[in-house]
Amino acid sequence: MPLSGRLNCLAHADQTKGDFAARGIPECNLGTGERRGTEPSVKGNVPLRFAGSRRAWLALWAAAVLAFLYLPVGLLVAYSCNDAALGIRWTGFTFRWYGELWHDADLLAALRNSLVIATAATGVSTVLGTAGAWLLHRYPLPRAVQASLGGLILVPMLVPEILMGVSLLLWFVFLHFPLGFGTVTIAHVTFCFPFVLVTVRARLAGLDPHLEEAALDLGARPGQAFWQVIVPFLRPAILGGALLAFTLSLDEYIVTVFTNGPGSQTLPQKIFGLAKIGLNPRLNALSTLFLLATAIPAVLAETLSRRRPAPFPTP
């Protein structure tokens, strides 16, 4: 439509449809200036009939990708309730494989080791990550130093796990440190605390600097201002980072293989050992429980990290 026609439509936008007709001005779309009934409707320079087809193909592609990712997981969960001993064909629905898990002493020992290591690694990682994020925020360094520290923080998150496992093993051997629960916990803290630090640091980026000043002006000591003002603001990020660290530690296999010792076998190692023997219905049930144990904290971490801080109560 010519520019003069569009301007004419916009100039009479406050008129009714009858006024348009009385003045001889064609009815048009005020947002785009199109004349209705004279030109085909388009969206983004693509006719609507083709836009609908494109949306259908995109939806089909998204469904195919999701099916590729989650159908194996769904099949695993379904076969954990299969009554067949070999787990190859479906013979009936049962929960007895879940019950048999609690009578396997080796499996329960591996689960206990994983929970102990994950809990210890999460606690240390949360303290170190929160403290590091607060120090970097509270005491800013020169830009070059800040960029260097940021890169070093990201290294454990980006380096391949097998390289991290080999390097940690060499380091422990060099220090003559006996392999066991301690070395596995230290190794897990090495790659877990950067995730907590990054999560808390992102939260601190939205912190109003006047909150702490207001608390100090009201008579609070620096420690009180930190615990009663800063920590409540950071609580969603701290909890989210802690849950993420717990999930990563509980699910870790490669680094654990290089750094564990006798008596410190974790649940991922036990699952891998069962998988090498052959199909086992208990393995399906165990994998399902392990999937839930890692997925639930991850979902909670994502939910807590997206929470907005609650407004401070006004007197």
C-alpha atoms as a PDB file:
ATOM      1  CA  MET A   1       0.000   0.000   0.000  1.00  0.00           C
ATOM      2  CA  PRO A   2       1.397   3.465  -0.831  1.00  0.00           C
ATOM      3  CA  LEU A   3       2.771   5.564   2.035  1.00  0.00           C
ATOM      4  CA  SER A   4       0.117   8.240   1.457  1.00  0.00           C
ATOM      5  CA  GLY A   5      -2.604   5.639   1.933  1.00  0.00           C
ATOM      6  CA  ARG A   6      -1.107   4.479   5.227  1.00  0.00           C
ATOM      7  CA  LEU A   7      -0.813   8.036   6.514  1.00  0.00           C
ATOM      8  CA  ASN A   8      -4.395   8.679   5.461  1.00  0.00           C
ATOM      9  CA  CYS A   9      -5.564   5.653   7.470  1.00  0.00           C
ATOM     10  CA  LEU A  10      -3.558   6.670  10.541  1.00  0.00           C
ATOM     11  CA  ALA A  11      -4.770  10.240  10.389  1.00  0.00           C
ATOM     12  CA  HIS A  12      -8.381   9.066  10.659  1.00  0.00           C
ATOM     13  CA  ALA A  13      -7.791   6.316  13.261  1.00  0.00           C
ATOM     14  CA  ASP A  14     -10.257   7.856  15.689  1.00  0.00           C
ATOM     15  CA  GLN A  15     -13.110   7.677  13.201  1.00  0.00           C
ATOM     16  CA  THR A  16     -15.671   4.892  13.119  1.00  0.00           C
ATOM     17  CA  LYS A  17     -16.000   2.373  10.322  1.00  0.00           C
ATOM     18  CA  GLY A  18     -18.951   4.296   8.931  1.00  0.00           C
ATOM     19  CA  ASP A  19     -16.933   7.495   8.849  1.00  0.00           C
ATOM     20  CA  PHE A  20     -14.263   5.719   6.853  1.00  0.00           C
ATOM     21  CA  ALA A  21     -16.814   4.551   4.351  1.00  0.00           C
ATOM     22  CA  ALA A  22     -18.410   8.011   4.168  1.00  0.00           C
ATOM     23  CA  ARG A  23     -15.081   9.635   3.429  1.00  0.00           C
ATOM     24  CA  GLY A  24     -14.178   7.040   0.788  1.00  0.00           C
ATOM     25  CA  ILE A  25     -11.180   5.777   2.713  1.00  0.00           C
ATOM     26  CA  PRO A  26     -10.616   2.015   2.368  1.00  0.00           C
ATOM     27  CA  GLU A  27     -10.826  -0.005   5.575  1.00  0.00           C
ATOM     28  CA  CYS A  28      -7.336  -0.983   6.620  1.00  0.00           C
ATOM     29  CA  ASN A  29      -5.202  -2.468   9.344  1.00  0.00           C
ATOM     30  CA  LEU A  30      -3.958   0.483  11.390  1.00  0.00           C
ATOM     31  CA  GLY A  31      -0.872  -1.401  12.580  1.00  0.00           C
ATOM     32  CA  THR A  32       0.440  -2.253   9.114  1.00  0.00           C
ATOM     33  CA  GLY A  33      -1.646  -0.073   6.809  1.00  0.00           C
ATOM     34  CA  GLU A  34      -2.975  -3.009   4.783  1.00  0.00           C
ATOM     35  CA  ARG A  35      -6.221  -2.684   2.861  1.00  0.00           C
ATOM     36  CA  ARG A  36      -8.563  -5.456   3.874  1.00  0.00           C
ATOM     37  CA  GLY A  37      -9.909  -7.529   1.031  1.00  0.00           C
ATOM     38  CA  THR A  38      -7.419  -6.268  -1.506  1.00  0.00           C
ATOM     39  CA  GLU A  39      -4.114  -7.878  -0.461  1.00  0.00           C
ATOM     40  CA  PRO A  40      -3.403 -11.308   1.049  1.00  0.00           C
ATOM     41  CA  SER A  41      -2.585 -11.261   4.762  1.00  0.00           C
ATOM     42  CA  VAL A  42       1.039 -11.895   5.520  1.00  0.00           C
ATOM     43  CA  LYS A  43       3.048 -12.414   8.670  1.00  0.00           C
ATOM     44  CA  GLY A  44       6.723 -11.631   8.598  1.00  0.00           C
ATOM     45  CA  ASN A  45       6.749 -11.520   4.773  1.00  0.00           C
ATOM     46  CA  VAL A  46       5.407 -15.130   4.771  1.00  0.00           C
ATOM     47  CA  PRO A  47       1.799 -15.868   3.779  1.00  0.00           C
ATOM     48  CA  LEU A  48      -0.279 -17.142   6.683  1.00  0.00           C
ATOM     49  CA  ARG A  49      -0.980 -20.445   4.928  1.00  0.00           C
ATOM     50  CA  PHE A  50       2.763 -21.090   4.820  1.00  0.00           C
ATOM     51  CA  ALA A  51       3.296 -19.796   8.397  1.00  0.00           C
ATOM     52  CA  GLY A  52       0.865 -22.405   9.707  1.00  0.00           C
ATOM     53  CA  SER A  53       2.691 -25.142   7.830  1.00  0.00           C
ATOM     54  CA  ARG A  54       6.003 -23.973   9.221  1.00  0.00           C
ATOM     55  CA  ARG A  55       4.655 -24.051  12.787  1.00  0.00           C
ATOM     56  CA  ALA A  56       3.415 -27.596  12.217  1.00  0.00           C
ATOM     57  CA  TRP A  57       6.842 -28.743  11.008  1.00  0.00           C
ATOM     58  CA  LEU A  58       8.563 -27.060  13.974  1.00  0.00           C
ATOM     59  CA  ALA A  59       6.147 -28.715  16.397  1.00  0.00           C
ATOM     60  CA  LEU A  60       6.780 -32.078  14.736  1.00  0.00           C
ATOM     61  CA  TRP A  61      10.543 -31.591  14.961  1.00  0.00           C
ATOM     62  CA  ALA A  62      10.326 -30.607  18.646  1.00  0.00           C
ATOM     63  CA  ALA A  63       8.180 -33.665  19.375  1.00  0.00           C
ATOM     64  CA  ALA A  64      10.704 -35.914  17.605  1.00  0.00           C
ATOM     65  CA  VAL A  65      13.612 -34.474  19.616  1.00  0.00           C
ATOM     66  CA  LEU A  66      11.748 -34.851  22.913  1.00  0.00           C
ATOM     67  CA  ALA A  67      10.774 -38.412  22.014  1.00  0.00           C
ATOM     68  CA  PHE A  68      14.408 -39.233  21.171  1.00  0.00           C
ATOM     69  CA  LEU A  69      15.541 -37.880  24.538  1.00  0.00           C
ATOM     70  CA  TYR A  70      12.843 -39.184  26.862  1.00  0.00           C
ATOM     71  CA  LEU A  71      11.460 -42.374  25.325  1.00  0.00           C
ATOM     72  CA  PRO A  72      14.450 -44.448  26.529  1.00  0.00           C
ATOM     73  CA  VAL A  73      13.952 -43.044  30.016  1.00  0.00           C
ATOM     74  CA  GLY A  74      10.253 -43.837  29.891  1.00  0.00           C
ATOM     75  CA  LEU A  75      11.039 -47.356  28.684  1.00  0.00           C
ATOM     76  CA  LEU A  76      13.443 -47.821  31.586  1.00  0.00           C
ATOM     77  CA  VAL A  77      10.817 -46.708  34.108  1.00  0.00           C
ATOM     78  CA  ALA A  78       8.194 -48.969  32.514  1.00  0.00           C
ATOM     79  CA  TYR A  79      10.438 -52.057  32.540  1.00  0.00           C
ATOM     80  CA  SER A  80      11.295 -51.472  36.185  1.00  0.00           C
ATOM     81  CA  CYS A  81       7.743 -52.729  36.813  1.00  0.00           C
ATOM     82  CA  ASN A  82       8.059 -55.709  34.463  1.00  0.00           C
ATOM     83  CA  ASP A  83       7.543 -59.120  36.085  1.00  0.00           C
ATOM     84  CA  ALA A  84       9.988 -60.842  33.707  1.00  0.00           C
ATOM     85  CA  ALA A  85      13.246 -61.930  35.331  1.00  0.00           C
ATOM     86  CA  LEU A  86      15.318 -61.107  32.268  1.00  0.00           C
ATOM     87  CA  GLY A  87      13.500 -57.866  31.473  1.00  0.00           C
ATOM     88  CA  ILE A  88      13.367 -58.564  27.738  1.00  0.00           C
ATOM     89  CA  ARG A  89       9.639 -59.033  27.175  1.00  0.00           C
ATOM     90  CA  TRP A  90       6.670 -57.776  29.133  1.00  0.00           C
ATOM     91  CA  THR A  91       4.985 -60.464  31.246  1.00  0.00           C
ATOM     92  CA  GLY A  92       3.102 -58.470  33.875  1.00  0.00           C
ATOM     93  CA  PHE A  93       3.095 -55.517  36.225  1.00  0.00           C
ATOM     94  CA  THR A  94       4.868 -55.745  39.565  1.00  0.00           C
ATOM     95  CA  PHE A  95       6.753 -53.723  42.167  1.00  0.00           C
ATOM     96  CA  ARG A  96       8.702 -56.650  43.571  1.00  0.00           C
ATOM     97  CA  TRP A  97      12.016 -55.529  42.080  1.00  0.00           C
ATOM     98  CA  TYR A  98      11.812 -52.360  44.159  1.00  0.00           C
ATOM     99  CA  GLY A  99      11.284 -54.493  47.255  1.00  0.00           C
ATOM    100  CA  GLU A 100      14.265 -56.713  46.462  1.00  0.00           C
ATOM    101  CA  LEU A 101      16.545 -53.688  46.318  1.00  0.00           C
ATOM    102  CA  TRP A 102      16.295 -53.292  50.103  1.00  0.00           C
ATOM    103  CA  HIS A 103      17.642 -56.820  50.663  1.00  0.00           C
ATOM    104  CA  ASP A 104      20.877 -56.238  48.721  1.00  0.00           C
ATOM    105  CA  ALA A 105      23.548 -55.371  51.311  1.00  0.00           C
ATOM    106  CA  ASP A 106      26.160 -54.285  48.748  1.00  0.00           C
ATOM    107  CA  LEU A 107      23.689 -52.010  47.023  1.00  0.00           C
ATOM    108  CA  LEU A 108      22.617 -50.387  50.276  1.00  0.00           C
ATOM    109  CA  ALA A 109      26.265 -49.863  51.226  1.00  0.00           C
ATOM    110  CA  ALA A 110      26.925 -48.113  47.898  1.00  0.00           C
ATOM    111  CA  LEU A 111      23.848 -45.954  48.403  1.00  0.00           C
ATOM    112  CA  ARG A 112      25.006 -45.004  51.889  1.00  0.00           C
ATOM    113  CA  ASN A 113      28.458 -44.077  50.570  1.00  0.00           C
ATOM    114  CA  SER A 114      26.946 -41.892  47.850  1.00  0.00           C
ATOM    115  CA  LEU A 115      24.694 -40.066  50.306  1.00  0.00           C
ATOM    116  CA  VAL A 116      27.550 -39.452  52.761  1.00  0.00           C
ATOM    117  CA  ILE A 117      29.893 -38.159  50.058  1.00  0.00           C
ATOM    118  CA  ALA A 118      27.202 -36.041  48.369  1.00  0.00           C
ATOM    119  CA  THR A 119      26.110 -34.495  51.679  1.00  0.00           C
ATOM    120  CA  ALA A 120      29.662 -33.642  52.715  1.00  0.00           C
ATOM    121  CA  ALA A 121      30.573 -32.271  49.278  1.00  0.00           C
ATOM    122  CA  THR A 122      27.376 -30.200  49.177  1.00  0.00           C
ATOM    123  CA  GLY A 123      28.003 -28.650  52.592  1.00  0.00           C
ATOM    124  CA  VAL A 124      31.596 -27.681  51.828  1.00  0.00           C
ATOM    125  CA  SER A 125      30.735 -26.484  48.306  1.00  0.00           C
ATOM    126  CA  THR A 126      27.872 -24.326  49.568  1.00  0.00           C
ATOM    127  CA  VAL A 127      30.067 -22.605  52.158  1.00  0.00           C
ATOM    128  CA  LEU A 128      32.970 -22.057  49.768  1.00  0.00           C
ATOM    129  CA  GLY A 129      30.781 -20.973  46.854  1.00  0.00           C
ATOM    130  CA  THR A 130      28.709 -18.521  48.883  1.00  0.00           C
ATOM    131  CA  ALA A 131      31.747 -17.036  50.607  1.00  0.00           C
ATOM    132  CA  GLY A 132      33.624 -16.709  47.326  1.00  0.00           C
ATOM    133  CA  ALA A 133      30.708 -15.048  45.567  1.00  0.00           C
ATOM    134  CA  TRP A 134      30.228 -12.572  48.416  1.00  0.00           C
ATOM    135  CA  LEU A 135      33.923 -11.682  48.572  1.00  0.00           C
ATOM    136  CA  LEU A 136      34.081 -11.104  44.825  1.00  0.00           C
ATOM    137  CA  HIS A 137      30.994  -8.903  45.040  1.00  0.00           C
ATOM    138  CA  ARG A 138      31.855  -7.049  48.243  1.00  0.00           C
ATOM    139  CA  TYR A 139      35.510  -6.396  47.467  1.00  0.00           C
ATOM    140  CA  PRO A 140      35.795  -5.816  43.700  1.00  0.00           C
ATOM    141  CA  LEU A 141      39.225  -6.390  42.194  1.00  0.00           C
ATOM    142  CA  PRO A 142      40.817  -4.765  39.140  1.00  0.00           C
ATOM    143  CA  ARG A 143      39.132  -5.754  35.910  1.00  0.00           C
ATOM    144  CA  ALA A 144      42.036  -7.887  34.682  1.00  0.00           C
ATOM    145  CA  VAL A 145      42.247  -9.792  37.967  1.00  0.00           C
ATOM    146  CA  GLN A 146      38.464 -10.200  38.039  1.00  0.00           C
ATOM    147  CA  ALA A 147      38.468 -11.659  34.524  1.00  0.00           C
ATOM    148  CA  SER A 148      41.310 -14.038  35.390  1.00  0.00           C
ATOM    149  CA  LEU A 149      39.514 -15.276  38.502  1.00  0.00           C
ATOM    150  CA  GLY A 150      36.312 -15.713  36.525  1.00  0.00           C
ATOM    151  CA  GLY A 151      38.140 -17.897  34.028  1.00  0.00           C
ATOM    152  CA  LEU A 152      39.752 -19.982  36.770  1.00  0.00           C
ATOM    153  CA  ILE A 153      36.353 -20.501  38.411  1.00  0.00           C
ATOM    154  CA  LEU A 154      34.929 -21.831  35.157  1.00  0.00           C
ATOM    155  CA  VAL A 155      37.777 -24.283  34.533  1.00  0.00           C
ATOM    156  CA  PRO A 156      36.385 -27.112  36.743  1.00  0.00           C
ATOM    157  CA  MET A 157      33.025 -26.676  35.035  1.00  0.00           C
ATOM    158  CA  LEU A 158      34.451 -26.912  31.513  1.00  0.00           C
ATOM    159  CA  VAL A 159      37.382 -29.323  31.724  1.00  0.00           C
ATOM    160  CA  PRO A 160      36.585 -32.919  30.680  1.00  0.00           C
ATOM    161  CA  GLU A 161      35.860 -35.140  33.663  1.00  0.00           C
ATOM    162  CA  ILE A 162      38.441 -37.736  32.695  1.00  0.00           C
ATOM    163  CA  LEU A 163      41.171 -35.080  32.709  1.00  0.00           C
ATOM    164  CA  MET A 164      40.024 -33.852  36.094  1.00  0.00           C
ATOM    165  CA  GLY A 165      39.999 -37.398  37.453  1.00  0.00           C
ATOM    166  CA  VAL A 166      43.510 -38.167  36.199  1.00  0.00           C
ATOM    167  CA  SER A 167      44.921 -34.857  37.467  1.00  0.00           C
ATOM    168  CA  LEU A 168      43.362 -35.310  40.910  1.00  0.00           C
ATOM    169  CA  LEU A 169      44.645 -38.879  41.107  1.00  0.00           C
ATOM    170  CA  LEU A 170      48.181 -37.730  40.271  1.00  0.00           C
ATOM    171  CA  TRP A 171      47.907 -34.976  42.871  1.00  0.00           C
ATOM    172  CA  PHE A 172      46.744 -37.325  45.628  1.00  0.00           C
ATOM    173  CA  VAL A 173      49.485 -39.820  44.784  1.00  0.00           C
ATOM    174  CA  PHE A 174      52.087 -37.034  44.807  1.00  0.00           C
ATOM    175  CA  LEU A 175      50.905 -35.985  48.283  1.00  0.00           C
ATOM    176  CA  HIS A 176      50.778 -39.646  49.448  1.00  0.00           C
ATOM    177  CA  PHE A 177      47.156 -39.115  50.368  1.00  0.00           C
ATOM    178  CA  PRO A 178      45.322 -42.438  50.853  1.00  0.00           C
ATOM    179  CA  LEU A 179      42.420 -42.903  48.473  1.00  0.00           C
ATOM    180  CA  GLY A 180      39.008 -43.223  50.073  1.00  0.00           C
ATOM    181  CA  PHE A 181      36.093 -41.128  51.278  1.00  0.00           C
ATOM    182  CA  GLY A 182      38.295 -38.077  51.812  1.00  0.00           C
ATOM    183  CA  THR A 183      39.742 -38.008  48.313  1.00  0.00           C
ATOM    184  CA  VAL A 184      36.359 -38.581  46.688  1.00  0.00           C
ATOM    185  CA  THR A 185      34.810 -35.766  48.749  1.00  0.00           C
ATOM    186  CA  ILE A 186      37.644 -33.374  47.874  1.00  0.00           C
ATOM    187  CA  ALA A 187      37.308 -34.279  44.196  1.00  0.00           C
ATOM    188  CA  HIS A 188      33.549 -33.668  44.264  1.00  0.00           C
ATOM    189  CA  VAL A 189      33.993 -30.316  45.998  1.00  0.00           C
ATOM    190  CA  THR A 190      36.448 -29.322  43.263  1.00  0.00           C
ATOM    191  CA  PHE A 191      33.815 -29.412  40.526  1.00  0.00           C
ATOM    192  CA  CYS A 192      30.716 -28.677  42.664  1.00  0.00           C
ATOM    193  CA  PHE A 193      31.562 -25.411  44.388  1.00  0.00           C
ATOM    194  CA  PRO A 194      31.964 -23.396  41.127  1.00  0.00           C
ATOM    195  CA  PHE A 195      28.316 -24.102  40.336  1.00  0.00           C
ATOM    196  CA  VAL A 196      27.295 -22.704  43.726  1.00  0.00           C
ATOM    197  CA  LEU A 197      29.549 -19.695  43.286  1.00  0.00           C
ATOM    198  CA  VAL A 198      28.180 -18.860  39.850  1.00  0.00           C
ATOM    199  CA  THR A 199      24.572 -19.239  41.052  1.00  0.00           C
ATOM    200  CA  VAL A 200      25.044 -17.005  44.096  1.00  0.00           C
ATOM    201  CA  ARG A 201      27.089 -14.491  42.139  1.00  0.00           C
ATOM    202  CA  ALA A 202      24.304 -14.139  39.581  1.00  0.00           C
ATOM    203  CA  ARG A 203      21.907 -13.427  42.436  1.00  0.00           C
ATOM    204  CA  LEU A 204      24.243 -10.814  43.885  1.00  0.00           C
ATOM    205  CA  ALA A 205      24.226  -8.977  40.558  1.00  0.00           C
ATOM    206  CA  GLY A 206      20.650  -7.911  41.328  1.00  0.00           C
ATOM    207  CA  LEU A 207      21.331  -6.881  44.929  1.00  0.00           C
ATOM    208  CA  ASP A 208      20.442  -3.302  45.795  1.00  0.00           C
ATOM    209  CA  PRO A 209      23.602  -1.845  47.392  1.00  0.00           C
ATOM    210  CA  HIS A 210      21.486   0.460  49.548  1.00  0.00           C
ATOM    211  CA  LEU A 211      19.985  -2.454  51.514  1.00  0.00           C
ATOM    212  CA  GLU A 212      23.140  -3.047  53.522  1.00  0.00           C
ATOM    213  CA  GLU A 213      23.688   0.689  53.981  1.00  0.00           C
ATOM    214  CA  ALA A 214      20.136   1.110  55.249  1.00  0.00           C
ATOM    215  CA  ALA A 215      20.613  -1.717  57.739  1.00  0.00           C
ATOM    216  CA  LEU A 216      23.821  -0.130  59.019  1.00  0.00           C
ATOM    217  CA  ASP A 217      22.139   3.265  59.288  1.00  0.00           C
ATOM    218  CA  LEU A 218      19.418   1.681  61.422  1.00  0.00           C
ATOM    219  CA  GLY A 219      22.024   0.518  63.920  1.00  0.00           C
ATOM    220  CA  ALA A 220      22.796  -3.010  62.754  1.00  0.00           C
ATOM    221  CA  ARG A 221      26.319  -4.286  63.002  1.00  0.00           C
ATOM    222  CA  PRO A 222      27.980  -5.558  59.791  1.00  0.00           C
ATOM    223  CA  GLY A 223      27.450  -9.161  60.847  1.00  0.00           C
ATOM    224  CA  GLN A 224      23.777  -8.527  61.603  1.00  0.00           C
ATOM    225  CA  ALA A 225      23.304  -6.765  58.277  1.00  0.00           C
ATOM    226  CA  PHE A 226      24.814  -9.721  56.466  1.00  0.00           C
ATOM    227  CA  TRP A 227      22.793 -12.442  58.214  1.00  0.00           C
ATOM    228  CA  GLN A 228      19.486 -10.580  58.439  1.00  0.00           C
ATOM    229  CA  VAL A 229      19.486  -8.710  55.110  1.00  0.00           C
ATOM    230  CA  ILE A 230      21.949 -10.249  52.649  1.00  0.00           C
ATOM    231  CA  VAL A 231      21.460 -13.934  53.473  1.00  0.00           C
ATOM    232  CA  PRO A 232      17.627 -13.821  53.168  1.00  0.00           C
ATOM    233  CA  PHE A 233      18.073 -12.185  49.771  1.00  0.00           C
ATOM    234  CA  LEU A 234      20.548 -14.895  48.706  1.00  0.00           C
ATOM    235  CA  ARG A 235      18.639 -17.834  50.220  1.00  0.00           C
ATOM    236  CA  PRO A 236      16.989 -19.008  46.950  1.00  0.00           C
ATOM    237  CA  ALA A 237      20.337 -18.969  45.138  1.00  0.00           C
ATOM    238  CA  ILE A 238      22.130 -20.701  48.020  1.00  0.00           C
ATOM    239  CA  LEU A 239      19.523 -23.451  48.212  1.00  0.00           C
ATOM    240  CA  GLY A 240      19.447 -23.789  44.426  1.00  0.00           C
ATOM    241  CA  GLY A 241      23.232 -24.066  44.249  1.00  0.00           C
ATOM    242  CA  ALA A 242      23.289 -26.583  47.096  1.00  0.00           C
ATOM    243  CA  LEU A 243      20.698 -28.794  45.402  1.00  0.00           C
ATOM    244  CA  LEU A 244      22.602 -28.568  42.136  1.00  0.00           C
ATOM    245  CA  ALA A 245      25.851 -29.540  43.883  1.00  0.00           C
ATOM    246  CA  PHE A 246      24.111 -32.467  45.597  1.00  0.00           C
ATOM    247  CA  THR A 247      22.775 -33.696  42.259  1.00  0.00           C
ATOM    248  CA  LEU A 248      26.152 -33.423  40.546  1.00  0.00           C
ATOM    249  CA  SER A 249      27.945 -35.225  43.369  1.00  0.00           C
ATOM    250  CA  LEU A 250      25.351 -37.989  43.614  1.00  0.00           C
ATOM    251  CA  ASP A 251      25.489 -38.593  39.850  1.00  0.00           C
ATOM    252  CA  GLU A 252      29.264 -38.405  39.356  1.00  0.00           C
ATOM    253  CA  TYR A 253      31.037 -41.511  38.062  1.00  0.00           C
ATOM    254  CA  ILE A 254      34.220 -40.748  36.109  1.00  0.00           C
ATOM    255  CA  VAL A 255      35.988 -38.584  38.699  1.00  0.00           C
ATOM    256  CA  THR A 256      34.926 -41.019  41.431  1.00  0.00           C
ATOM    257  CA  VAL A 257      36.500 -43.973  39.629  1.00  0.00           C
ATOM    258  CA  PHE A 258      39.906 -42.273  39.663  1.00  0.00           C
ATOM    259  CA  THR A 259      39.788 -41.020  43.256  1.00  0.00           C
ATOM    260  CA  ASN A 260      38.003 -43.658  45.343  1.00  0.00           C
ATOM    261  CA  GLY A 261      39.571 -46.480  47.296  1.00  0.00           C
ATOM    262  CA  PRO A 262      38.551 -49.728  48.973  1.00  0.00           C
ATOM    263  CA  GLY A 263      35.231 -49.491  50.774  1.00  0.00           C
ATOM    264  CA  SER A 264      34.159 -46.228  49.121  1.00  0.00           C
ATOM    265  CA  GLN A 265      32.264 -47.561  46.109  1.00  0.00           C
ATOM    266  CA  THR A 266      29.408 -45.227  45.196  1.00  0.00           C
ATOM    267  CA  LEU A 267      25.997 -45.941  43.742  1.00  0.00           C
ATOM    268  CA  PRO A 268      26.907 -44.966  40.127  1.00  0.00           C
ATOM    269  CA  GLN A 269      29.809 -47.412  40.279  1.00  0.00           C
ATOM    270  CA  LYS A 270      27.498 -50.147  41.559  1.00  0.00           C
ATOM    271  CA  ILE A 271      25.005 -49.479  38.773  1.00  0.00           C
ATOM    272  CA  PHE A 272      27.755 -49.647  36.157  1.00  0.00           C
ATOM    273  CA  GLY A 273      28.993 -52.932  37.601  1.00  0.00           C
ATOM    274  CA  LEU A 274      25.502 -54.436  37.429  1.00  0.00           C
ATOM    275  CA  ALA A 275      25.056 -53.215  33.853  1.00  0.00           C
ATOM    276  CA  LYS A 276      28.250 -54.979  32.723  1.00  0.00           C
ATOM    277  CA  ILE A 277      26.966 -58.328  33.979  1.00  0.00           C
ATOM    278  CA  GLY A 278      23.770 -58.231  31.908  1.00  0.00           C
ATOM    279  CA  LEU A 279      20.111 -57.299  31.995  1.00  0.00           C
ATOM    280  CA  ASN A 280      18.827 -57.149  35.543  1.00  0.00           C
ATOM    281  CA  PRO A 281      15.325 -56.011  36.547  1.00  0.00           C
ATOM    282  CA  ARG A 282      16.711 -54.687  39.807  1.00  0.00           C
ATOM    283  CA  LEU A 283      18.962 -52.443  37.755  1.00  0.00           C
ATOM    284  CA  ASN A 284      15.907 -50.930  36.093  1.00  0.00           C
ATOM    285  CA  ALA A 285      14.276 -50.279  39.464  1.00  0.00           C
ATOM    286  CA  LEU A 286      17.507 -48.876  40.883  1.00  0.00           C
ATOM    287  CA  SER A 287      18.011 -46.622  37.867  1.00  0.00           C
ATOM    288  CA  THR A 288      14.453 -45.325  38.214  1.00  0.00           C
ATOM    289  CA  LEU A 289      14.980 -44.427  41.870  1.00  0.00           C
ATOM    290  CA  PHE A 290      18.320 -42.851  41.024  1.00  0.00           C
ATOM    291  CA  LEU A 291      16.677 -40.864  38.232  1.00  0.00           C
ATOM    292  CA  LEU A 292      14.102 -39.482  40.666  1.00  0.00           C
ATOM    293  CA  ALA A 293      16.775 -38.749  43.266  1.00  0.00           C
ATOM    294  CA  THR A 294      18.719 -36.615  40.777  1.00  0.00           C
ATOM    295  CA  ALA A 295      15.806 -35.053  38.871  1.00  0.00           C
ATOM    296  CA  ILE A 296      13.863 -33.777  41.882  1.00  0.00           C
ATOM    297  CA  PRO A 297      16.764 -31.723  43.346  1.00  0.00           C
ATOM    298  CA  ALA A 298      17.560 -30.366  39.881  1.00  0.00           C
ATOM    299  CA  VAL A 299      13.967 -29.198  39.382  1.00  0.00           C
ATOM    300  CA  LEU A 300      13.894 -27.676  42.872  1.00  0.00           C
ATOM    301  CA  ALA A 301      17.198 -25.914  42.203  1.00  0.00           C
ATOM    302  CA  GLU A 302      15.882 -24.410  38.982  1.00  0.00           C
ATOM    303  CA  THR A 303      12.659 -23.339  40.709  1.00  0.00           C
ATOM    304  CA  LEU A 304      14.444 -21.729  43.640  1.00  0.00           C
ATOM    305  CA  SER A 305      16.954 -19.939  41.409  1.00  0.00           C
ATOM    306  CA  ARG A 306      14.081 -18.285  39.522  1.00  0.00           C
ATOM    307  CA  ARG A 307      12.236 -17.126  42.639  1.00  0.00           C
ATOM    308  CA  ARG A 308      12.048 -13.414  43.184  1.00  0.00           C
ATOM    309  CA  PRO A 309      13.087 -12.156  46.618  1.00  0.00           C
ATOM    310  CA  ALA A 310      10.172 -11.545  48.953  1.00  0.00           C
ATOM    311  CA  PRO A 311       9.626  -7.849  49.640  1.00  0.00           C
ATOM    312  CA  PHE A 312      10.890  -6.680  52.987  1.00  0.00           C
ATOM    313  CA  PRO A 313       8.057  -5.929  55.434  1.00  0.00           C
ATOM    314  CA  THR A 314       7.304  -2.295  55.944  1.00  0.00           C
ATOM    315  CA  PRO A 315       6.612  -0.994  59.445  1.00  0.00           C
END
